[in-house]
């Protein structure tokens, strides 16, 4: 209950990163091909692409999504955010072990 939202959000964030990775490896790539490769519904792919585009990581082209040139700083910030989240989760894990 207390951590259910954390699990849901981390699952969505993981999907976004998997979409980003798949775009990186197959760019340019469209929604249909991404959905086929990742074995996910198109609406989930579309949502992840929208989030990644709004974050400045990917950009749509007429041939499909590509990693946006100059997205290095955004990805660097994501790495830092993830590091901070891991540290918080590790602290939570230590706390819950007391019970």
C-alpha atoms as a PDB file:
ATOM      1  CA  UNK A   1       0.000   0.000   0.000  1.00  0.00           C
ATOM      2  CA  UNK A   2       2.537   2.546   1.131  1.00  0.00           C
ATOM      3  CA  UNK A   3       4.958   1.657  -1.662  1.00  0.00           C
ATOM      4  CA  UNK A   4       2.437   0.657  -4.328  1.00  0.00           C
ATOM      5  CA  UNK A   5       2.636   4.044  -6.100  1.00  0.00           C
ATOM      6  CA  UNK A   6       6.440   3.870  -6.074  1.00  0.00           C
ATOM      7  CA  UNK A   7       6.306   0.470  -7.781  1.00  0.00           C
ATOM      8  CA  UNK A   8       3.831   1.702 -10.389  1.00  0.00           C
ATOM      9  CA  UNK A   9       5.837   4.815 -11.180  1.00  0.00           C
ATOM     10  CA  UNK A  10       9.119   2.911 -11.351  1.00  0.00           C
ATOM     11  CA  UNK A  11       7.528   0.439 -13.784  1.00  0.00           C
ATOM     12  CA  UNK A  12       6.473   3.304 -16.066  1.00  0.00           C
ATOM     13  CA  UNK A  13       9.890   4.967 -15.793  1.00  0.00           C
ATOM     14  CA  UNK A  14      11.556   1.671 -16.675  1.00  0.00           C
ATOM     15  CA  UNK A  15       9.366   1.400 -19.778  1.00  0.00           C
ATOM     16  CA  UNK A  16      10.342   4.938 -20.821  1.00  0.00           C
ATOM     17  CA  UNK A  17      14.015   4.011 -20.497  1.00  0.00           C
ATOM     18  CA  UNK A  18      13.483   0.795 -22.446  1.00  0.00           C
ATOM     19  CA  UNK A  19      11.792   2.780 -25.224  1.00  0.00           C
ATOM     20  CA  UNK A  20      14.702   5.255 -25.168  1.00  0.00           C
ATOM     21  CA  UNK A  21      17.183   2.384 -25.427  1.00  0.00           C
ATOM     22  CA  UNK A  22      15.271   0.784 -28.300  1.00  0.00           C
ATOM     23  CA  UNK A  23      15.098   4.092 -30.156  1.00  0.00           C
ATOM     24  CA  UNK A  24      18.844   4.537 -29.595  1.00  0.00           C
ATOM     25  CA  UNK A  25      19.576   1.100 -31.055  1.00  0.00           C
ATOM     26  CA  UNK A  26      17.159   1.325 -34.021  1.00  0.00           C
ATOM     27  CA  UNK A  27      16.796   5.001 -34.918  1.00  0.00           C
ATOM     28  CA  UNK A  28      14.934   6.248 -36.776  1.00  0.00           C
ATOM     29  CA  UNK A  29      12.049   4.040 -35.670  1.00  0.00           C
ATOM     30  CA  UNK A  30       8.295   4.414 -35.691  1.00  0.00           C
ATOM     31  CA  UNK A  31       5.621   3.448 -33.191  1.00  0.00           C
ATOM     32  CA  UNK A  32       4.566   0.288 -35.027  1.00  0.00           C
ATOM     33  CA  UNK A  33       8.102  -1.087 -35.198  1.00  0.00           C
ATOM     34  CA  UNK A  34       8.816  -0.121 -31.574  1.00  0.00           C
ATOM     35  CA  UNK A  35       5.652  -1.890 -30.435  1.00  0.00           C
ATOM     36  CA  UNK A  36       6.612  -4.962 -32.432  1.00  0.00           C
ATOM     37  CA  UNK A  37      10.164  -5.090 -31.075  1.00  0.00           C
ATOM     38  CA  UNK A  38       9.141  -4.399 -27.479  1.00  0.00           C
ATOM     39  CA  UNK A  39       5.977  -6.500 -27.569  1.00  0.00           C
ATOM     40  CA  UNK A  40       3.962  -3.657 -26.048  1.00  0.00           C
ATOM     41  CA  UNK A  41       0.703  -1.992 -27.104  1.00  0.00           C
ATOM     42  CA  UNK A  42       1.104   1.052 -29.342  1.00  0.00           C
ATOM     43  CA  UNK A  43      -0.652   3.347 -26.867  1.00  0.00           C
ATOM     44  CA  UNK A  44       2.045   2.633 -24.241  1.00  0.00           C
ATOM     45  CA  UNK A  45       4.804   3.252 -26.792  1.00  0.00           C
ATOM     46  CA  UNK A  46       3.111   6.479 -27.891  1.00  0.00           C
ATOM     47  CA  UNK A  47       2.886   7.683 -24.288  1.00  0.00           C
ATOM     48  CA  UNK A  48       6.548   6.898 -23.594  1.00  0.00           C
ATOM     49  CA  UNK A  49       7.606   8.659 -26.793  1.00  0.00           C
ATOM     50  CA  UNK A  50       5.588  11.717 -25.798  1.00  0.00           C
ATOM     51  CA  UNK A  51       7.212  11.805 -22.350  1.00  0.00           C
ATOM     52  CA  UNK A  52      10.683  11.380 -23.848  1.00  0.00           C
ATOM     53  CA  UNK A  53       9.989  14.100 -26.416  1.00  0.00           C
ATOM     54  CA  UNK A  54       8.717  16.513 -23.753  1.00  0.00           C
ATOM     55  CA  UNK A  55      11.843  15.737 -21.738  1.00  0.00           C
ATOM     56  CA  UNK A  56      14.028  16.736 -24.684  1.00  0.00           C
ATOM     57  CA  UNK A  57      15.513  13.291 -25.251  1.00  0.00           C
ATOM     58  CA  UNK A  58      13.956  12.222 -28.527  1.00  0.00           C
ATOM     59  CA  UNK A  59      12.503  14.020 -31.481  1.00  0.00           C
ATOM     60  CA  UNK A  60      10.074  12.829 -34.113  1.00  0.00           C
ATOM     61  CA  UNK A  61      11.110  12.860 -37.753  1.00  0.00           C
ATOM     62  CA  UNK A  62       9.303  11.825 -40.894  1.00  0.00           C
ATOM     63  CA  UNK A  63      11.167   8.513 -40.668  1.00  0.00           C
ATOM     64  CA  UNK A  64      10.472   7.877 -36.979  1.00  0.00           C
ATOM     65  CA  UNK A  65      11.823   8.808 -33.565  1.00  0.00           C
ATOM     66  CA  UNK A  66      15.496   9.591 -33.074  1.00  0.00           C
ATOM     67  CA  UNK A  67      17.607  10.566 -30.085  1.00  0.00           C
ATOM     68  CA  UNK A  68      17.738  14.351 -30.097  1.00  0.00           C
ATOM     69  CA  UNK A  69      21.107  15.901 -30.731  1.00  0.00           C
ATOM     70  CA  UNK A  70      22.254  17.680 -27.589  1.00  0.00           C
ATOM     71  CA  UNK A  71      20.231  15.492 -25.227  1.00  0.00           C
ATOM     72  CA  UNK A  72      23.411  14.620 -23.315  1.00  0.00           C
ATOM     73  CA  UNK A  73      22.701  17.108 -20.522  1.00  0.00           C
ATOM     74  CA  UNK A  74      19.162  15.804 -20.045  1.00  0.00           C
ATOM     75  CA  UNK A  75      20.416  12.217 -19.880  1.00  0.00           C
ATOM     76  CA  UNK A  76      23.143  13.283 -17.436  1.00  0.00           C
ATOM     77  CA  UNK A  77      20.460  14.834 -15.214  1.00  0.00           C
ATOM     78  CA  UNK A  78      18.410  11.635 -15.457  1.00  0.00           C
ATOM     79  CA  UNK A  79      21.422   9.638 -14.268  1.00  0.00           C
ATOM     80  CA  UNK A  80      21.795  11.955 -11.277  1.00  0.00           C
ATOM     81  CA  UNK A  81      18.062  11.755 -10.485  1.00  0.00           C
ATOM     82  CA  UNK A  82      18.246   7.965 -10.628  1.00  0.00           C
ATOM     83  CA  UNK A  83      21.261   7.914  -8.324  1.00  0.00           C
ATOM     84  CA  UNK A  84      19.341  10.002  -5.784  1.00  0.00           C
ATOM     85  CA  UNK A  85      16.277   7.751  -6.062  1.00  0.00           C
ATOM     86  CA  UNK A  86      18.415   4.645  -5.516  1.00  0.00           C
ATOM     87  CA  UNK A  87      19.926   6.205  -2.399  1.00  0.00           C
ATOM     88  CA  UNK A  88      16.434   6.957  -1.013  1.00  0.00           C
ATOM     89  CA  UNK A  89      15.238   3.432  -1.807  1.00  0.00           C
ATOM     90  CA  UNK A  90      18.293   1.964  -0.107  1.00  0.00           C
ATOM     91  CA  UNK A  91      17.523   4.059   3.016  1.00  0.00           C
ATOM     92  CA  UNK A  92      13.896   2.863   2.923  1.00  0.00           C
ATOM     93  CA  UNK A  93      15.092  -0.731   2.608  1.00  0.00           C
ATOM     94  CA  UNK A  94      17.325  -0.332   5.646  1.00  0.00           C
ATOM     95  CA  UNK A  95      14.479   1.202   7.631  1.00  0.00           C
ATOM     96  CA  UNK A  96      11.957  -1.514   6.789  1.00  0.00           C
ATOM     97  CA  UNK A  97      14.429  -4.241   7.745  1.00  0.00           C
ATOM     98  CA  UNK A  98      14.141  -3.046  11.363  1.00  0.00           C
ATOM     99  CA  UNK A  99      10.565  -4.345  11.586  1.00  0.00           C
END
